[in-house]
């Protein structure tokens, strides 16, 4: 079962506290899944440019303006990769990938 402090993650808002990269952010409270917990999240459904690539800074700024200090929902957990929970992320009821159509997978 996917739990976060005993609550289904889709029913609990997690606040975005930091934007780490164009495709990685940190939340509070920490997520818990598969016996692990952490604060870093990697959304599924889109793939932004890497650092030093064209479009990276614009993507990171867009993510910052969109979700920093706001609540998101985590759903459909896939994996833990580099200490990041890989999952669908929803903001205002919309999949975060839909805000990045130019990078959708």
N, C-alpha and C. Protein backbone atom coordinates (compact mmCIF):
# COMPACT_ATOMS: atom_id res chain seq x y z
N UNK A 1 0.84 -1.18 0.00
CA UNK A 1 0.00 0.00 0.00
C UNK A 1 0.88 1.24 0.00
N UNK A 2 0.51 2.23 -0.74
CA UNK A 2 1.25 3.48 -0.82
C UNK A 2 0.77 4.38 0.31
N UNK A 3 1.63 4.65 1.27
CA UNK A 3 1.18 5.46 2.40
C UNK A 3 2.11 6.62 2.65
N UNK A 4 1.57 7.63 3.23
CA UNK A 4 2.35 8.79 3.67
C UNK A 4 1.85 9.12 5.06
N UNK A 5 2.63 8.76 6.06
CA UNK A 5 2.23 8.96 7.45
C UNK A 5 0.87 8.32 7.73
N UNK A 6 0.60 7.16 7.11
CA UNK A 6 -0.63 6.45 7.34
C UNK A 6 -1.80 6.92 6.50
N UNK A 7 -1.59 7.87 5.62
CA UNK A 7 -2.66 8.40 4.78
C UNK A 7 -2.32 8.13 3.32
N UNK A 8 -3.31 7.77 2.53
CA UNK A 8 -3.09 7.59 1.10
C UNK A 8 -2.57 8.89 0.51
N UNK A 9 -1.47 8.88 -0.25
CA UNK A 9 -0.88 10.11 -0.73
C UNK A 9 -1.81 10.94 -1.61
N UNK A 10 -2.68 10.31 -2.37
CA UNK A 10 -3.59 11.06 -3.21
C UNK A 10 -4.60 11.87 -2.43
N UNK A 11 -4.76 11.57 -1.14
CA UNK A 11 -5.72 12.29 -0.32
C UNK A 11 -5.05 13.34 0.55
N UNK A 12 -3.76 13.53 0.37
CA UNK A 12 -3.02 14.44 1.22
C UNK A 12 -2.19 15.40 0.37
N UNK A 13 -2.34 16.67 0.64
CA UNK A 13 -1.53 17.65 -0.07
C UNK A 13 -0.14 17.74 0.53
N UNK A 14 0.86 17.75 -0.31
CA UNK A 14 2.24 17.90 0.13
C UNK A 14 2.74 19.24 -0.39
N UNK A 15 3.35 20.01 0.46
CA UNK A 15 3.81 21.33 0.07
C UNK A 15 5.18 21.25 -0.59
N UNK A 16 5.32 21.93 -1.72
CA UNK A 16 6.60 21.98 -2.43
C UNK A 16 7.46 23.05 -1.75
N UNK A 17 8.62 22.62 -1.25
CA UNK A 17 9.48 23.52 -0.47
C UNK A 17 10.72 23.98 -1.23
N UNK A 18 11.08 23.26 -2.30
CA UNK A 18 12.30 23.61 -3.03
C UNK A 18 12.24 23.01 -4.43
N UNK A 19 12.75 23.76 -5.40
CA UNK A 19 12.90 23.24 -6.75
C UNK A 19 14.38 22.93 -6.93
N UNK A 20 14.71 21.65 -7.09
CA UNK A 20 16.10 21.21 -7.16
C UNK A 20 16.63 21.32 -8.59
N UNK A 21 15.86 20.79 -9.52
CA UNK A 21 16.20 20.81 -10.95
C UNK A 21 14.91 21.04 -11.72
N UNK A 22 15.01 21.10 -13.02
CA UNK A 22 13.82 21.32 -13.84
C UNK A 22 12.83 20.15 -13.74
N UNK A 23 13.30 19.00 -13.26
CA UNK A 23 12.42 17.83 -13.14
C UNK A 23 12.47 17.20 -11.75
N UNK A 24 12.89 17.93 -10.75
CA UNK A 24 12.98 17.40 -9.39
C UNK A 24 12.66 18.50 -8.39
N UNK A 25 11.83 18.15 -7.40
CA UNK A 25 11.51 19.11 -6.35
C UNK A 25 11.41 18.40 -5.01
N UNK A 26 11.37 19.18 -3.94
CA UNK A 26 11.28 18.65 -2.58
C UNK A 26 9.94 19.03 -1.97
N UNK A 27 9.42 18.11 -1.11
CA UNK A 27 8.13 18.31 -0.48
C UNK A 27 8.21 18.15 1.04
N UNK A 28 7.19 18.65 1.71
CA UNK A 28 7.00 18.44 3.14
C UNK A 28 5.51 18.24 3.37
N UNK A 29 5.12 17.27 4.17
CA UNK A 29 5.95 16.32 4.89
C UNK A 29 6.58 15.30 3.94
N UNK A 30 7.57 14.55 4.43
CA UNK A 30 8.22 13.54 3.58
C UNK A 30 7.23 12.47 3.13
N UNK A 31 7.45 11.95 1.93
CA UNK A 31 6.67 10.83 1.44
C UNK A 31 7.22 9.54 2.04
N UNK A 32 6.38 8.49 2.06
CA UNK A 32 6.80 7.16 2.51
C UNK A 32 6.24 6.15 1.52
N UNK A 33 7.10 5.25 1.07
CA UNK A 33 6.66 4.20 0.14
C UNK A 33 7.66 3.06 0.16
N UNK A 34 7.15 1.85 0.18
CA UNK A 34 8.00 0.66 0.10
C UNK A 34 9.06 0.60 1.19
N UNK A 35 8.72 1.05 2.38
CA UNK A 35 9.68 1.02 3.48
C UNK A 35 10.71 2.13 3.44
N UNK A 36 10.58 3.04 2.50
CA UNK A 36 11.51 4.16 2.39
C UNK A 36 10.75 5.47 2.54
N UNK A 37 11.48 6.52 2.80
CA UNK A 37 10.87 7.84 2.86
C UNK A 37 11.87 8.86 2.35
N UNK A 38 11.37 10.01 1.99
CA UNK A 38 12.25 11.06 1.48
C UNK A 38 11.47 12.30 1.16
N UNK A 39 12.17 13.28 0.64
CA UNK A 39 11.52 14.55 0.31
C UNK A 39 11.61 14.89 -1.17
N UNK A 40 12.43 14.18 -1.92
CA UNK A 40 12.59 14.50 -3.35
C UNK A 40 11.61 13.72 -4.22
N UNK A 41 11.08 14.42 -5.24
CA UNK A 41 10.09 13.84 -6.14
C UNK A 41 10.52 14.10 -7.57
N UNK A 42 10.35 13.08 -8.42
CA UNK A 42 10.59 13.19 -9.87
C UNK A 42 9.29 12.86 -10.57
N UNK A 43 8.61 13.86 -11.14
CA UNK A 43 7.33 13.60 -11.81
C UNK A 43 7.51 12.73 -13.05
N UNK A 44 6.49 11.93 -13.35
CA UNK A 44 6.46 11.14 -14.57
C UNK A 44 5.77 11.94 -15.67
N UNK A 45 5.93 11.49 -16.91
CA UNK A 45 5.16 12.03 -18.01
C UNK A 45 5.83 13.11 -18.84
N UNK A 46 6.94 13.64 -18.35
CA UNK A 46 7.69 14.62 -19.14
C UNK A 46 9.15 14.56 -18.76
N UNK A 47 10.00 15.03 -19.67
CA UNK A 47 11.44 14.98 -19.46
C UNK A 47 12.05 16.29 -19.95
N UNK A 48 12.49 17.11 -19.03
CA UNK A 48 13.05 18.42 -19.38
C UNK A 48 14.53 18.29 -19.73
N UNK A 49 15.09 19.32 -20.37
CA UNK A 49 16.53 19.31 -20.67
C UNK A 49 17.35 19.24 -19.37
N UNK A 50 18.54 18.69 -19.50
CA UNK A 50 19.47 18.62 -18.37
C UNK A 50 20.20 19.95 -18.21
N UNK A 51 20.84 20.11 -17.04
CA UNK A 51 21.62 21.33 -16.81
C UNK A 51 22.59 21.56 -17.96
N UNK A 52 22.80 22.80 -18.31
CA UNK A 52 23.68 23.25 -19.39
C UNK A 52 23.13 22.94 -20.78
N UNK A 53 21.89 22.42 -20.86
CA UNK A 53 21.25 22.22 -22.16
C UNK A 53 20.25 23.34 -22.41
N UNK A 54 20.03 23.63 -23.66
CA UNK A 54 19.08 24.65 -24.06
C UNK A 54 17.69 24.32 -23.49
N UNK A 55 17.09 25.27 -22.82
CA UNK A 55 15.76 25.10 -22.26
C UNK A 55 15.72 24.71 -20.81
N UNK A 56 16.87 24.33 -20.23
CA UNK A 56 16.90 23.88 -18.84
C UNK A 56 16.44 24.98 -17.88
N UNK A 57 17.08 26.14 -17.95
CA UNK A 57 16.76 27.20 -16.99
C UNK A 57 15.32 27.67 -17.14
N UNK A 58 14.83 27.75 -18.37
CA UNK A 58 13.44 28.16 -18.59
C UNK A 58 12.48 27.15 -17.97
N UNK A 59 12.79 25.85 -18.11
CA UNK A 59 11.95 24.80 -17.52
C UNK A 59 11.97 24.86 -16.01
N UNK A 60 13.14 25.08 -15.44
CA UNK A 60 13.25 25.15 -13.99
C UNK A 60 12.49 26.37 -13.46
N UNK A 61 12.62 27.50 -14.14
CA UNK A 61 11.89 28.71 -13.72
C UNK A 61 10.39 28.51 -13.82
N UNK A 62 9.95 27.83 -14.88
CA UNK A 62 8.52 27.56 -15.06
C UNK A 62 7.99 26.70 -13.92
N UNK A 63 8.74 25.63 -13.56
CA UNK A 63 8.34 24.76 -12.46
C UNK A 63 8.29 25.54 -11.15
N UNK A 64 9.29 26.38 -10.92
CA UNK A 64 9.34 27.20 -9.71
C UNK A 64 8.10 28.10 -9.60
N UNK A 65 7.79 28.81 -10.67
CA UNK A 65 6.63 29.72 -10.66
C UNK A 65 5.32 28.96 -10.48
N UNK A 66 5.27 27.76 -11.01
CA UNK A 66 4.05 26.97 -10.99
C UNK A 66 3.75 26.37 -9.62
N UNK A 67 4.75 25.71 -8.98
CA UNK A 67 4.43 24.91 -7.79
C UNK A 67 5.17 25.26 -6.50
N UNK A 68 6.19 26.11 -6.54
CA UNK A 68 6.94 26.39 -5.32
C UNK A 68 6.02 27.01 -4.27
N UNK A 69 6.08 26.47 -3.06
CA UNK A 69 5.27 26.90 -1.91
C UNK A 69 3.78 26.59 -2.08
N UNK A 70 3.46 25.67 -3.01
CA UNK A 70 2.07 25.27 -3.23
C UNK A 70 1.93 23.79 -2.96
N UNK A 71 0.69 23.32 -2.89
CA UNK A 71 0.44 21.91 -2.63
C UNK A 71 0.27 21.12 -3.91
N UNK A 72 0.82 19.91 -3.90
CA UNK A 72 0.68 18.97 -5.01
C UNK A 72 0.19 17.64 -4.45
N UNK A 73 -0.34 16.80 -5.33
CA UNK A 73 -0.74 15.45 -4.97
C UNK A 73 0.16 14.45 -5.68
N UNK A 74 0.58 13.42 -4.97
CA UNK A 74 1.41 12.36 -5.54
C UNK A 74 0.55 11.13 -5.73
N UNK A 75 0.59 10.56 -6.95
CA UNK A 75 -0.22 9.38 -7.27
C UNK A 75 0.58 8.41 -8.13
N UNK A 76 0.12 7.17 -8.17
CA UNK A 76 0.68 6.15 -9.07
C UNK A 76 2.20 6.04 -8.95
N UNK A 77 2.66 5.70 -7.76
CA UNK A 77 4.09 5.56 -7.52
C UNK A 77 4.68 4.50 -8.44
N UNK A 78 5.85 4.79 -9.00
CA UNK A 78 6.50 3.89 -9.95
C UNK A 78 7.79 3.31 -9.39
N UNK A 79 8.63 4.16 -8.80
CA UNK A 79 9.97 3.73 -8.42
C UNK A 79 10.58 4.77 -7.48
N UNK A 80 11.71 4.41 -6.92
CA UNK A 80 12.56 5.37 -6.21
C UNK A 80 13.88 5.37 -6.96
N UNK A 81 14.25 6.52 -7.49
CA UNK A 81 15.41 6.66 -8.35
C UNK A 81 16.27 7.81 -7.84
N UNK A 82 17.51 7.54 -7.48
CA UNK A 82 18.40 8.57 -6.92
C UNK A 82 17.73 9.29 -5.75
N UNK A 83 17.11 8.52 -4.86
CA UNK A 83 16.43 9.03 -3.67
C UNK A 83 15.22 9.91 -4.00
N UNK A 84 14.73 9.82 -5.24
CA UNK A 84 13.54 10.58 -5.63
C UNK A 84 12.39 9.61 -5.86
N UNK A 85 11.22 9.95 -5.33
CA UNK A 85 10.03 9.16 -5.61
C UNK A 85 9.55 9.53 -7.01
N UNK A 86 9.49 8.54 -7.89
CA UNK A 86 9.03 8.73 -9.26
C UNK A 86 7.54 8.41 -9.28
N UNK A 87 6.72 9.40 -9.66
CA UNK A 87 5.27 9.22 -9.60
C UNK A 87 4.58 10.30 -10.43
N UNK A 88 3.26 10.11 -10.62
CA UNK A 88 2.46 11.16 -11.22
C UNK A 88 2.28 12.26 -10.19
N UNK A 89 2.36 13.50 -10.63
CA UNK A 89 2.19 14.65 -9.76
C UNK A 89 1.04 15.48 -10.30
N UNK A 90 0.14 15.87 -9.41
CA UNK A 90 -1.00 16.69 -9.80
C UNK A 90 -0.97 18.02 -9.07
N UNK A 91 -1.24 19.07 -9.85
CA UNK A 91 -1.32 20.43 -9.31
C UNK A 91 -2.63 21.04 -9.82
N UNK A 92 -3.44 21.50 -8.90
CA UNK A 92 -4.77 22.05 -9.25
C UNK A 92 -5.59 21.05 -10.05
N UNK A 93 -5.47 19.76 -9.72
CA UNK A 93 -6.25 18.72 -10.37
C UNK A 93 -5.76 18.31 -11.75
N UNK A 94 -4.64 18.85 -12.17
CA UNK A 94 -4.11 18.59 -13.51
C UNK A 94 -2.73 17.94 -13.39
N UNK A 95 -2.48 16.94 -14.23
CA UNK A 95 -1.18 16.28 -14.21
C UNK A 95 -0.09 17.30 -14.55
N UNK A 96 0.97 17.32 -13.77
CA UNK A 96 2.05 18.29 -13.97
C UNK A 96 2.62 18.20 -15.38
N UNK A 97 2.65 17.02 -15.96
CA UNK A 97 3.16 16.86 -17.33
C UNK A 97 2.37 17.69 -18.34
N UNK A 98 1.10 17.91 -18.05
CA UNK A 98 0.27 18.71 -18.97
C UNK A 98 0.69 20.18 -19.00
N UNK A 99 1.41 20.63 -18.00
CA UNK A 99 1.93 22.00 -17.98
C UNK A 99 3.21 22.13 -18.80
N UNK A 100 3.77 20.99 -19.22
CA UNK A 100 5.02 20.95 -19.99
C UNK A 100 4.82 20.17 -21.29
N UNK A 101 3.88 20.59 -22.14
CA UNK A 101 3.59 19.80 -23.35
C UNK A 101 4.79 19.66 -24.28
N UNK A 102 5.69 20.64 -24.25
CA UNK A 102 6.86 20.56 -25.12
C UNK A 102 7.83 19.46 -24.71
N UNK A 103 7.68 18.93 -23.49
CA UNK A 103 8.59 17.89 -23.01
C UNK A 103 7.87 16.59 -22.65
N UNK A 104 6.60 16.47 -23.04
CA UNK A 104 5.83 15.26 -22.70
C UNK A 104 6.44 14.02 -23.36
N UNK A 105 6.36 12.92 -22.61
CA UNK A 105 6.87 11.63 -23.10
C UNK A 105 5.70 10.78 -23.57
